[in-house]
N, C-alpha and C. Protein backbone atom coordinates (compact mmCIF):
# COMPACT_ATOMS: atom_id res chain seq x y z
N MET A 1 -10.09 -4.64 -20.77
CA MET A 1 -8.93 -5.19 -20.05
C MET A 1 -9.27 -4.45 -18.60
N ALA A 2 -8.81 -5.30 -17.66
CA ALA A 2 -9.06 -4.90 -16.15
C ALA A 2 -7.60 -4.69 -15.57
N VAL A 3 -7.82 -3.63 -14.63
CA VAL A 3 -6.64 -3.17 -13.85
C VAL A 3 -7.02 -3.43 -12.49
N GLY A 4 -6.07 -4.21 -11.85
CA GLY A 4 -6.19 -4.71 -10.41
C GLY A 4 -5.54 -3.63 -9.47
N VAL A 5 -6.26 -3.26 -8.39
CA VAL A 5 -5.65 -2.26 -7.59
C VAL A 5 -5.71 -2.82 -6.05
N ASP A 6 -4.73 -2.53 -5.37
CA ASP A 6 -4.56 -2.87 -3.86
C ASP A 6 -3.62 -1.94 -3.25
N GLU A 7 -3.93 -1.70 -1.94
CA GLU A 7 -3.04 -0.85 -1.13
C GLU A 7 -2.51 -1.48 -0.11
N VAL A 8 -1.22 -1.01 0.40
CA VAL A 8 -0.56 -1.65 1.49
C VAL A 8 -0.31 -0.43 2.56
N GLY A 9 -0.36 -0.54 3.81
CA GLY A 9 0.32 0.17 4.67
C GLY A 9 -1.02 0.95 5.38
N ARG A 10 -2.25 0.49 5.26
CA ARG A 10 -3.48 1.18 5.78
C ARG A 10 -3.32 1.29 7.31
N GLY A 11 -3.00 0.09 7.96
CA GLY A 11 -2.98 0.08 9.31
C GLY A 11 -1.74 0.45 10.17
N SER A 12 -0.69 0.86 9.20
CA SER A 12 0.43 1.26 9.61
C SER A 12 0.53 2.45 10.58
N TRP A 13 1.35 2.52 11.64
CA TRP A 13 1.58 3.81 12.50
C TRP A 13 2.40 4.85 11.89
N ALA A 14 3.04 4.56 10.83
CA ALA A 14 4.15 5.34 10.35
C ALA A 14 4.33 5.17 8.84
N GLY A 15 4.74 6.24 8.04
CA GLY A 15 5.11 6.01 6.62
C GLY A 15 3.85 6.10 5.71
N PRO A 16 4.11 6.07 4.52
CA PRO A 16 3.06 6.30 3.42
C PRO A 16 2.31 5.00 3.29
N LEU A 17 0.99 5.37 2.71
CA LEU A 17 0.27 4.20 2.24
C LEU A 17 0.47 4.12 0.89
N VAL A 18 0.60 3.09 0.31
CA VAL A 18 1.15 2.73 -1.19
C VAL A 18 0.06 1.95 -1.93
N VAL A 19 -0.28 2.37 -3.10
CA VAL A 19 -1.23 1.67 -3.93
C VAL A 19 -0.56 1.11 -5.05
N GLY A 20 -0.85 -0.25 -5.46
CA GLY A 20 -0.19 -0.85 -6.65
C GLY A 20 -1.53 -0.84 -7.82
N ALA A 21 -1.13 -0.63 -8.99
CA ALA A 21 -2.09 -0.93 -10.05
C ALA A 21 -1.64 -1.67 -11.20
N VAL A 22 -2.18 -2.78 -11.59
CA VAL A 22 -1.48 -3.84 -12.34
C VAL A 22 -2.37 -4.21 -13.64
N ILE A 23 -2.17 -3.96 -14.74
CA ILE A 23 -2.72 -4.82 -15.82
C ILE A 23 -1.62 -6.00 -16.41
N LEU A 24 -2.37 -7.07 -16.27
CA LEU A 24 -1.51 -8.33 -16.60
C LEU A 24 -1.73 -8.53 -18.03
N SER A 25 -0.68 -9.13 -18.68
CA SER A 25 -0.80 -9.53 -20.10
C SER A 25 -1.09 -11.05 -20.28
N SER A 26 -0.64 -11.76 -19.24
CA SER A 26 -0.76 -13.17 -19.15
C SER A 26 -0.68 -13.84 -17.79
N PRO A 27 -1.08 -14.82 -17.50
CA PRO A 27 -0.95 -15.31 -16.00
C PRO A 27 0.40 -15.55 -15.61
N ILE A 28 0.71 -15.16 -14.30
CA ILE A 28 1.95 -15.37 -13.58
C ILE A 28 1.69 -16.40 -12.48
N GLU A 29 2.58 -17.50 -12.49
CA GLU A 29 2.39 -18.50 -11.63
C GLU A 29 2.74 -17.90 -10.03
N GLY A 30 2.13 -18.26 -9.02
CA GLY A 30 2.38 -17.99 -7.80
C GLY A 30 1.70 -16.92 -7.20
N LEU A 31 1.02 -16.10 -7.92
CA LEU A 31 0.16 -14.85 -7.45
C LEU A 31 -0.64 -15.22 -6.37
N LYS A 32 -0.57 -14.45 -5.24
CA LYS A 32 -1.67 -14.40 -4.22
C LYS A 32 -1.45 -13.23 -3.33
N ASP A 33 -2.29 -13.07 -2.41
CA ASP A 33 -2.07 -11.93 -1.35
C ASP A 33 -0.80 -11.85 -0.88
N SER A 34 -0.12 -10.56 -0.95
CA SER A 34 1.31 -10.51 -0.66
C SER A 34 1.48 -10.72 0.95
N LYS A 35 0.38 -10.92 1.73
CA LYS A 35 0.75 -11.21 3.14
C LYS A 35 0.95 -12.76 3.37
N LEU A 36 0.46 -13.38 2.19
CA LEU A 36 0.68 -14.86 2.31
C LEU A 36 1.99 -15.34 1.75
N LEU A 37 2.86 -14.40 1.30
CA LEU A 37 4.24 -14.86 0.60
C LEU A 37 5.35 -14.33 1.58
N THR A 38 6.45 -14.99 1.40
CA THR A 38 7.62 -14.80 2.10
C THR A 38 8.18 -13.32 1.27
N LYS A 39 9.10 -12.63 2.15
CA LYS A 39 9.59 -11.49 1.52
C LYS A 39 10.32 -11.92 0.32
N LYS A 40 11.07 -12.97 0.22
CA LYS A 40 11.81 -13.50 -0.91
C LYS A 40 10.95 -13.71 -2.10
N GLN A 41 9.89 -14.36 -1.84
CA GLN A 41 8.68 -14.61 -2.96
C GLN A 41 8.26 -13.30 -3.40
N ARG A 42 7.86 -12.52 -2.48
CA ARG A 42 7.31 -11.11 -2.91
C ARG A 42 8.41 -10.30 -4.08
N GLN A 43 9.57 -10.50 -3.45
CA GLN A 43 10.54 -9.47 -4.37
C GLN A 43 10.60 -10.24 -5.74
N SER A 44 10.75 -11.62 -5.74
CA SER A 44 10.91 -12.27 -6.99
C SER A 44 9.65 -12.05 -7.93
N LEU A 45 8.54 -12.16 -7.37
CA LEU A 45 7.36 -12.17 -8.10
C LEU A 45 7.13 -10.60 -8.61
N ALA A 46 7.47 -9.60 -7.67
CA ALA A 46 7.43 -8.24 -8.07
C ALA A 46 8.35 -7.90 -9.25
N SER A 47 9.45 -8.45 -9.43
CA SER A 47 10.27 -8.33 -10.49
C SER A 47 9.50 -8.93 -11.61
N GLN A 48 9.09 -9.98 -11.72
CA GLN A 48 8.56 -10.68 -12.64
C GLN A 48 7.15 -10.07 -13.17
N ILE A 49 6.40 -9.47 -12.27
CA ILE A 49 5.29 -8.67 -12.57
C ILE A 49 5.70 -7.31 -13.25
N LYS A 50 6.77 -6.79 -12.87
CA LYS A 50 7.06 -5.56 -13.50
C LYS A 50 7.73 -5.76 -14.95
N SER A 51 8.39 -7.00 -15.21
CA SER A 51 8.65 -7.30 -16.47
C SER A 51 7.78 -7.84 -17.47
N GLU A 52 6.71 -8.22 -16.88
CA GLU A 52 5.55 -9.11 -17.83
C GLU A 52 4.31 -8.45 -17.84
N ALA A 53 4.03 -7.45 -17.08
CA ALA A 53 2.71 -6.67 -17.02
C ALA A 53 2.62 -5.91 -18.18
N LEU A 54 1.42 -5.68 -18.70
CA LEU A 54 1.28 -4.73 -19.75
C LEU A 54 1.55 -3.40 -19.20
N SER A 55 1.23 -3.10 -18.07
CA SER A 55 1.28 -1.88 -17.17
C SER A 55 1.34 -1.98 -15.83
N TYR A 56 1.92 -1.14 -15.03
CA TYR A 56 1.94 -1.08 -13.83
C TYR A 56 2.31 0.30 -13.23
N ALA A 57 1.66 0.75 -12.01
CA ALA A 57 2.00 1.95 -11.55
C ALA A 57 1.69 1.86 -9.92
N PHE A 58 2.30 3.04 -9.55
CA PHE A 58 2.11 3.11 -7.99
C PHE A 58 1.52 4.57 -7.66
N GLY A 59 0.78 4.61 -6.58
CA GLY A 59 0.26 5.86 -5.96
C GLY A 59 0.58 5.92 -4.71
N SER A 60 0.73 6.97 -3.93
CA SER A 60 0.97 6.97 -2.64
C SER A 60 0.57 8.31 -1.93
N VAL A 61 0.31 8.08 -0.62
CA VAL A 61 0.07 9.32 0.18
C VAL A 61 0.93 9.24 1.42
N SER A 62 1.33 10.41 1.82
CA SER A 62 2.19 10.69 2.98
C SER A 62 1.48 10.39 4.42
N SER A 63 2.22 10.31 5.55
CA SER A 63 1.49 10.36 6.76
C SER A 63 0.81 11.60 6.93
N LYS A 64 1.32 12.72 6.50
CA LYS A 64 0.81 13.91 6.56
C LYS A 64 -0.54 14.12 5.89
N GLU A 65 -0.53 13.57 4.79
CA GLU A 65 -1.71 13.66 4.01
C GLU A 65 -2.82 12.69 4.74
N ILE A 66 -2.48 11.54 5.12
CA ILE A 66 -3.35 10.65 5.83
C ILE A 66 -4.00 11.46 6.99
N ASP A 67 -3.08 12.18 7.74
CA ASP A 67 -3.63 12.97 8.88
C ASP A 67 -4.67 14.11 8.58
N GLU A 68 -4.26 14.68 7.51
CA GLU A 68 -5.13 15.94 6.96
C GLU A 68 -6.24 15.57 6.45
N LEU A 69 -6.35 14.52 5.51
CA LEU A 69 -7.63 14.09 4.82
C LEU A 69 -8.57 13.00 5.31
N GLY A 70 -7.88 12.12 6.28
CA GLY A 70 -8.62 11.00 6.81
C GLY A 70 -8.08 9.81 6.01
N LEU A 71 -8.16 8.77 6.61
CA LEU A 71 -7.63 7.51 6.01
C LEU A 71 -8.45 7.06 4.63
N SER A 72 -9.83 7.19 4.59
CA SER A 72 -10.57 6.84 3.57
C SER A 72 -10.18 7.85 2.25
N LYS A 73 -10.25 9.25 2.54
CA LYS A 73 -9.98 10.07 1.47
C LYS A 73 -8.58 9.87 0.96
N ALA A 74 -7.76 9.73 1.82
CA ALA A 74 -6.35 9.61 1.50
C ALA A 74 -6.17 8.34 0.76
N THR A 75 -6.86 7.39 1.09
CA THR A 75 -6.83 5.98 0.18
C THR A 75 -7.18 6.30 -1.23
N THR A 76 -8.24 7.06 -1.32
CA THR A 76 -8.93 7.23 -2.76
C THR A 76 -7.91 8.20 -3.50
N LEU A 77 -7.18 9.18 -2.82
CA LEU A 77 -6.34 9.88 -3.53
C LEU A 77 -5.19 9.02 -3.95
N ALA A 78 -4.73 8.16 -3.31
CA ALA A 78 -3.57 7.11 -3.73
C ALA A 78 -3.90 6.36 -4.70
N ILE A 79 -5.11 5.66 -4.90
CA ILE A 79 -5.73 4.98 -5.87
C ILE A 79 -5.88 5.90 -7.22
N THR A 80 -6.36 7.07 -6.96
CA THR A 80 -6.39 8.01 -8.17
C THR A 80 -5.00 8.17 -8.59
N ARG A 81 -3.90 8.49 -7.78
CA ARG A 81 -2.54 8.75 -8.42
C ARG A 81 -2.11 7.43 -9.16
N ALA A 82 -2.29 6.45 -8.68
CA ALA A 82 -1.85 5.15 -9.36
C ALA A 82 -2.57 5.07 -10.73
N LEU A 83 -3.86 5.17 -10.73
CA LEU A 83 -4.77 5.06 -11.95
C LEU A 83 -4.43 6.22 -12.98
N ASP A 84 -4.09 7.38 -12.57
CA ASP A 84 -3.63 8.46 -13.32
C ASP A 84 -2.41 7.91 -14.42
N GLN A 85 -1.68 7.01 -13.92
CA GLN A 85 -0.34 6.69 -14.74
C GLN A 85 -0.68 5.36 -15.68
N ILE A 86 -1.90 4.89 -15.68
CA ILE A 86 -2.08 3.76 -16.50
C ILE A 86 -3.16 4.17 -17.46
N GLU A 87 -2.97 3.36 -18.65
CA GLU A 87 -4.08 3.63 -19.79
C GLU A 87 -4.43 2.24 -20.23
N GLY A 88 -5.59 2.24 -20.98
CA GLY A 88 -5.95 1.00 -21.60
C GLY A 88 -6.58 -0.05 -20.84
N PHE A 89 -7.52 0.43 -20.03
CA PHE A 89 -8.19 -0.26 -19.17
C PHE A 89 -9.73 0.16 -19.22
N ASN A 90 -10.64 -0.75 -19.15
CA ASN A 90 -12.03 -0.56 -19.18
C ASN A 90 -12.77 -1.06 -17.87
N GLU A 91 -11.94 -1.68 -17.04
CA GLU A 91 -12.54 -2.23 -15.75
C GLU A 91 -11.62 -2.09 -14.74
N ILE A 92 -11.98 -1.73 -13.49
CA ILE A 92 -11.19 -1.44 -12.33
C ILE A 92 -11.67 -2.30 -11.34
N ILE A 93 -10.72 -3.02 -10.67
CA ILE A 93 -11.21 -4.08 -9.51
C ILE A 93 -10.27 -3.51 -8.35
N VAL A 94 -10.83 -3.31 -7.25
CA VAL A 94 -10.07 -2.90 -6.14
C VAL A 94 -10.28 -3.81 -4.93
N ASP A 95 -9.33 -4.16 -4.31
CA ASP A 95 -9.52 -5.09 -3.04
C ASP A 95 -10.01 -4.39 -1.96
N GLY A 96 -11.21 -4.82 -1.52
CA GLY A 96 -11.77 -4.45 -0.10
C GLY A 96 -13.01 -3.83 -0.19
N LEU A 97 -13.42 -3.27 0.72
CA LEU A 97 -14.97 -2.76 0.89
C LEU A 97 -15.04 -1.69 0.08
N PRO A 98 -16.32 -1.37 -0.44
CA PRO A 98 -16.54 -0.14 -1.22
C PRO A 98 -16.09 1.12 -0.64
N GLY A 99 -15.32 2.01 -1.34
CA GLY A 99 -14.78 3.25 -0.93
C GLY A 99 -15.52 4.36 -1.29
N PRO A 100 -15.37 5.59 -0.94
CA PRO A 100 -15.99 6.71 -1.36
C PRO A 100 -16.06 7.02 -2.79
N ILE A 101 -15.02 6.65 -3.60
CA ILE A 101 -15.07 6.83 -5.09
C ILE A 101 -15.76 5.58 -5.81
N LYS A 102 -16.67 5.93 -6.48
CA LYS A 102 -17.35 4.83 -7.19
C LYS A 102 -17.15 4.82 -8.65
N LYS A 103 -16.48 5.85 -9.15
CA LYS A 103 -16.16 5.88 -10.83
C LYS A 103 -14.82 6.58 -10.67
N TYR A 104 -14.02 6.07 -11.85
CA TYR A 104 -12.93 6.74 -12.08
C TYR A 104 -13.01 7.17 -13.76
N LYS A 105 -12.92 8.36 -14.11
CA LYS A 105 -12.93 8.77 -15.47
C LYS A 105 -14.07 8.14 -16.19
N GLY A 106 -15.41 7.91 -15.42
CA GLY A 106 -16.42 7.27 -16.15
C GLY A 106 -16.50 5.75 -15.94
N ILE A 107 -15.38 5.04 -15.44
CA ILE A 107 -15.40 3.72 -15.39
C ILE A 107 -15.85 3.27 -13.96
N HIS A 108 -16.63 2.53 -13.72
CA HIS A 108 -17.26 1.88 -12.57
C HIS A 108 -16.12 1.15 -11.83
N ILE A 109 -16.02 1.33 -10.42
CA ILE A 109 -15.02 0.62 -9.67
C ILE A 109 -15.66 -0.38 -9.07
N ASN A 110 -15.22 -1.63 -9.31
CA ASN A 110 -15.54 -2.79 -8.80
C ASN A 110 -14.80 -3.32 -7.51
N TYR A 111 -15.32 -2.92 -6.24
CA TYR A 111 -14.62 -3.44 -5.10
C TYR A 111 -15.04 -4.78 -4.68
N GLN A 112 -13.98 -5.51 -4.29
CA GLN A 112 -14.30 -7.04 -3.96
C GLN A 112 -13.35 -7.39 -2.78
N ILE A 113 -14.04 -7.85 -1.74
CA ILE A 113 -13.22 -8.28 -0.50
C ILE A 113 -12.52 -9.50 -0.96
N LYS A 114 -11.23 -9.60 -0.41
CA LYS A 114 -10.29 -10.59 -0.71
C LYS A 114 -10.14 -10.87 -2.28
N ALA A 115 -10.24 -9.77 -3.12
CA ALA A 115 -9.79 -9.89 -4.44
C ALA A 115 -8.26 -10.33 -4.66
N ASP A 116 -7.44 -9.69 -3.71
CA ASP A 116 -6.00 -10.13 -3.65
C ASP A 116 -5.70 -11.50 -3.54
N GLN A 117 -6.84 -12.11 -3.12
CA GLN A 117 -6.59 -13.80 -3.10
C GLN A 117 -7.17 -14.47 -4.39
N THR A 118 -8.03 -13.90 -4.92
CA THR A 118 -8.76 -14.49 -6.14
C THR A 118 -8.50 -13.99 -7.53
N ILE A 119 -8.21 -12.72 -7.65
CA ILE A 119 -7.97 -12.00 -9.05
C ILE A 119 -6.45 -11.83 -9.13
N PRO A 120 -5.81 -12.44 -10.23
CA PRO A 120 -4.49 -12.27 -10.34
C PRO A 120 -3.85 -10.93 -10.51
N SER A 121 -4.48 -10.00 -11.23
CA SER A 121 -4.10 -8.62 -11.32
C SER A 121 -4.17 -7.83 -9.95
N VAL A 122 -5.04 -8.07 -9.08
CA VAL A 122 -5.15 -7.60 -7.85
C VAL A 122 -3.97 -8.17 -6.92
N SER A 123 -3.77 -9.27 -6.95
CA SER A 123 -2.77 -10.12 -6.21
C SER A 123 -1.41 -9.37 -6.71
N ALA A 124 -1.18 -9.23 -8.04
CA ALA A 124 0.04 -8.56 -8.47
C ALA A 124 0.18 -7.26 -7.83
N ALA A 125 -0.99 -6.44 -7.84
CA ALA A 125 -0.94 -5.02 -7.22
C ALA A 125 -0.43 -5.21 -5.87
N SER A 126 -1.14 -5.99 -5.11
CA SER A 126 -0.78 -6.24 -3.74
C SER A 126 0.65 -6.39 -3.58
N ILE A 127 1.15 -7.30 -4.34
CA ILE A 127 2.67 -7.71 -4.24
C ILE A 127 3.53 -6.58 -4.55
N ILE A 128 3.29 -5.86 -5.68
CA ILE A 128 4.34 -4.75 -6.08
C ILE A 128 4.20 -3.64 -5.06
N ALA A 129 2.86 -3.35 -4.50
CA ALA A 129 2.70 -2.48 -3.44
C ALA A 129 3.37 -2.64 -2.25
N LYS A 130 3.34 -3.92 -1.85
CA LYS A 130 4.05 -4.28 -0.58
C LYS A 130 5.58 -4.03 -0.75
N VAL A 131 6.18 -4.59 -1.74
CA VAL A 131 7.50 -4.36 -1.95
C VAL A 131 8.00 -2.99 -2.03
N LYS A 132 7.33 -2.10 -2.82
CA LYS A 132 7.69 -0.85 -2.96
C LYS A 132 7.58 -0.10 -1.63
N ARG A 133 6.63 -0.36 -0.82
CA ARG A 133 6.29 0.37 0.46
C ARG A 133 7.62 -0.22 1.58
N ASP A 134 7.83 -1.60 1.46
CA ASP A 134 9.01 -1.90 2.29
C ASP A 134 10.31 -1.25 1.86
N GLU A 135 10.48 -1.02 0.61
CA GLU A 135 11.63 -0.44 0.03
C GLU A 135 11.82 0.99 0.66
N ILE A 136 10.54 1.56 0.64
CA ILE A 136 10.58 3.08 1.02
C ILE A 136 10.91 3.25 2.41
N MET A 137 10.17 2.26 3.32
CA MET A 137 10.56 2.26 4.73
C MET A 137 11.98 1.90 5.07
N SER A 138 12.41 0.90 4.33
CA SER A 138 13.94 0.66 4.57
C SER A 138 14.83 1.80 4.17
N SER A 139 14.42 2.43 3.13
CA SER A 139 15.43 3.55 2.54
C SER A 139 15.29 4.77 3.67
N LEU A 140 14.12 4.81 4.39
CA LEU A 140 14.15 5.97 5.39
C LEU A 140 14.63 5.48 6.80
N SER A 141 14.85 4.23 6.89
CA SER A 141 15.34 3.93 8.25
C SER A 141 16.77 4.49 8.74
N PRO A 142 17.55 4.75 7.78
CA PRO A 142 18.98 5.42 8.33
C PRO A 142 18.81 6.68 8.76
N LYS A 143 17.80 7.41 7.99
CA LYS A 143 17.41 8.85 8.64
C LYS A 143 16.66 8.82 10.04
N TYR A 144 16.04 7.64 10.21
CA TYR A 144 15.30 7.64 11.46
C TYR A 144 15.84 6.31 12.07
N LYS A 145 17.03 6.20 12.37
CA LYS A 145 17.75 5.08 12.83
C LYS A 145 17.29 4.48 14.28
N ASN A 146 16.64 5.40 15.11
CA ASN A 146 16.12 4.93 16.34
C ASN A 146 14.77 4.06 16.28
N TYR A 147 14.27 4.02 15.15
CA TYR A 147 12.74 3.54 15.12
C TYR A 147 12.86 2.11 14.63
N GLY A 148 13.66 1.70 13.77
CA GLY A 148 13.69 0.32 13.47
C GLY A 148 12.61 -0.03 12.20
N PHE A 149 12.47 1.01 11.33
CA PHE A 149 11.46 1.01 10.28
C PHE A 149 11.82 0.14 9.15
N ASP A 150 13.10 -0.37 9.16
CA ASP A 150 13.66 -1.50 8.15
C ASP A 150 13.07 -2.92 8.60
N SER A 151 12.71 -2.98 9.77
CA SER A 151 12.35 -4.20 10.27
C SER A 151 10.62 -4.32 10.45
N HIS A 152 10.20 -3.42 11.20
CA HIS A 152 8.56 -3.40 11.28
C HIS A 152 7.79 -2.64 10.35
N VAL A 153 8.67 -1.78 9.49
CA VAL A 153 8.11 -0.86 8.42
C VAL A 153 6.92 -0.21 8.77
N GLY A 154 7.06 0.39 9.96
CA GLY A 154 5.97 1.31 10.60
C GLY A 154 4.75 0.66 11.21
N TYR A 155 4.66 -0.65 11.24
CA TYR A 155 3.38 -1.19 11.74
C TYR A 155 3.56 -1.19 13.31
N GLY A 156 2.62 -1.44 14.08
CA GLY A 156 2.42 -1.34 15.51
C GLY A 156 3.00 -2.63 16.04
N THR A 157 4.18 -2.83 16.31
CA THR A 157 5.00 -3.92 16.95
C THR A 157 5.43 -3.43 18.23
N ALA A 158 5.72 -4.45 19.12
CA ALA A 158 6.35 -4.05 20.48
C ALA A 158 7.67 -3.14 20.31
N SER A 159 8.48 -3.60 19.40
CA SER A 159 9.65 -2.92 19.35
C SER A 159 9.49 -1.26 18.91
N HIS A 160 8.29 -1.20 17.84
CA HIS A 160 8.08 0.06 17.43
C HIS A 160 7.54 0.92 18.84
N MET A 161 6.70 0.38 19.53
CA MET A 161 6.09 1.06 20.61
C MET A 161 7.27 1.37 21.52
N ARG A 162 8.26 0.51 21.91
CA ARG A 162 9.33 0.79 22.71
C ARG A 162 10.19 2.01 22.09
N ALA A 163 10.52 1.95 20.85
CA ALA A 163 11.16 3.11 20.23
C ALA A 163 10.24 4.55 20.47
N ILE A 164 8.99 4.49 20.34
CA ILE A 164 8.27 5.65 20.48
C ILE A 164 8.33 6.09 21.81
N LYS A 165 8.19 5.32 22.81
CA LYS A 165 8.41 5.57 24.21
C LYS A 165 9.63 6.25 24.68
N LYS A 166 10.78 5.58 23.95
CA LYS A 166 12.16 6.19 24.30
C LYS A 166 12.29 7.37 23.60
N PHE A 167 12.02 7.45 22.30
CA PHE A 167 12.45 8.62 21.49
C PHE A 167 11.40 9.59 20.96
N GLY A 168 10.17 9.37 21.38
CA GLY A 168 8.95 10.07 20.88
C GLY A 168 8.54 9.91 19.62
N ILE A 169 7.75 10.45 18.95
CA ILE A 169 7.33 10.33 17.59
C ILE A 169 8.29 11.25 16.62
N CYS A 170 8.26 10.73 15.33
CA CYS A 170 8.98 11.63 14.18
C CYS A 170 7.76 12.01 13.18
N ASP A 171 8.45 12.62 12.30
CA ASP A 171 7.53 13.23 11.17
C ASP A 171 6.94 12.21 10.36
N LEU A 172 7.27 10.84 10.37
CA LEU A 172 6.52 9.76 9.53
C LEU A 172 5.43 9.19 10.34
N HIS A 173 5.21 9.63 11.61
CA HIS A 173 4.14 9.01 12.44
C HIS A 173 2.84 9.69 12.02
N ARG A 174 1.86 8.84 12.10
CA ARG A 174 0.46 9.10 11.64
C ARG A 174 -0.24 9.84 13.00
N THR A 175 -0.25 11.05 13.20
CA THR A 175 -0.68 11.70 14.45
C THR A 175 -2.28 11.40 14.70
N SER A 176 -2.88 11.14 13.66
CA SER A 176 -4.37 11.00 13.65
C SER A 176 -4.69 9.48 13.99
N PHE A 177 -3.74 8.71 14.12
CA PHE A 177 -4.01 7.09 14.54
C PHE A 177 -3.97 7.24 15.94
N LYS A 178 -5.05 6.25 16.65
CA LYS A 178 -5.20 6.19 18.08
C LYS A 178 -3.99 6.06 18.79
N PRO A 179 -3.12 4.90 18.53
CA PRO A 179 -1.88 4.57 19.28
C PRO A 179 -1.00 5.72 19.37
N ILE A 180 -0.73 6.45 18.32
CA ILE A 180 0.00 7.61 18.21
C ILE A 180 -0.52 9.02 18.99
N LYS A 181 -1.73 9.15 18.82
CA LYS A 181 -2.48 10.09 19.38
C LYS A 181 -2.48 10.04 20.91
N ASN A 182 -2.62 8.78 21.37
CA ASN A 182 -2.79 8.36 22.74
C ASN A 182 -1.33 8.76 23.48
N PHE A 183 -0.22 8.33 22.59
CA PHE A 183 1.08 8.72 22.99
C PHE A 183 1.24 10.15 23.09
N ILE A 184 0.83 10.94 22.17
CA ILE A 184 1.08 12.38 22.19
C ILE A 184 0.26 13.10 23.47
N TYR A 185 -0.82 12.49 23.60
CA TYR A 185 -1.73 13.22 24.64
C TYR A 185 -1.57 12.63 26.12
N ALA A 186 -0.78 11.58 26.28
CA ALA A 186 -0.55 10.97 27.41
C ALA A 186 0.03 11.77 28.70
């Protein structure tokens, strides 16, 4: 049984990186890379995935962990945190280029570019991770009301940059990322 794994938030300027891991029991119609779906489609599919999957889990790392570990090691940590919550798989398929972790508990990790577009369990992982991360950022938005995290969810948009210029950075920002670092040392 294969577990599909994908991350969301790798390029974000603020907030966590979230990994989804999914073992599907049967095909689910409409699965594809989360970026190719509307918000409404993602939310509907995420509910279906959670109710029909054999197993699913999330792993995440905070902005602080990303800054301390670096993006590659932090992503590996988030993948491990997700896989630690799932049992019953003998194959791991991760979307993307090969990472620093080659095996997990003796199981070889199969990295595949664009797996979120071709392998249903990875597509499902992409969808639930995106919905989860968006929910996290939306829930944080009232606490950080000046930044608009509920709309851009921490990505590098013009409105996000305007907010940083006006209000400075907050503790959700990844200070190791060049756009934020440039602002700090400007």
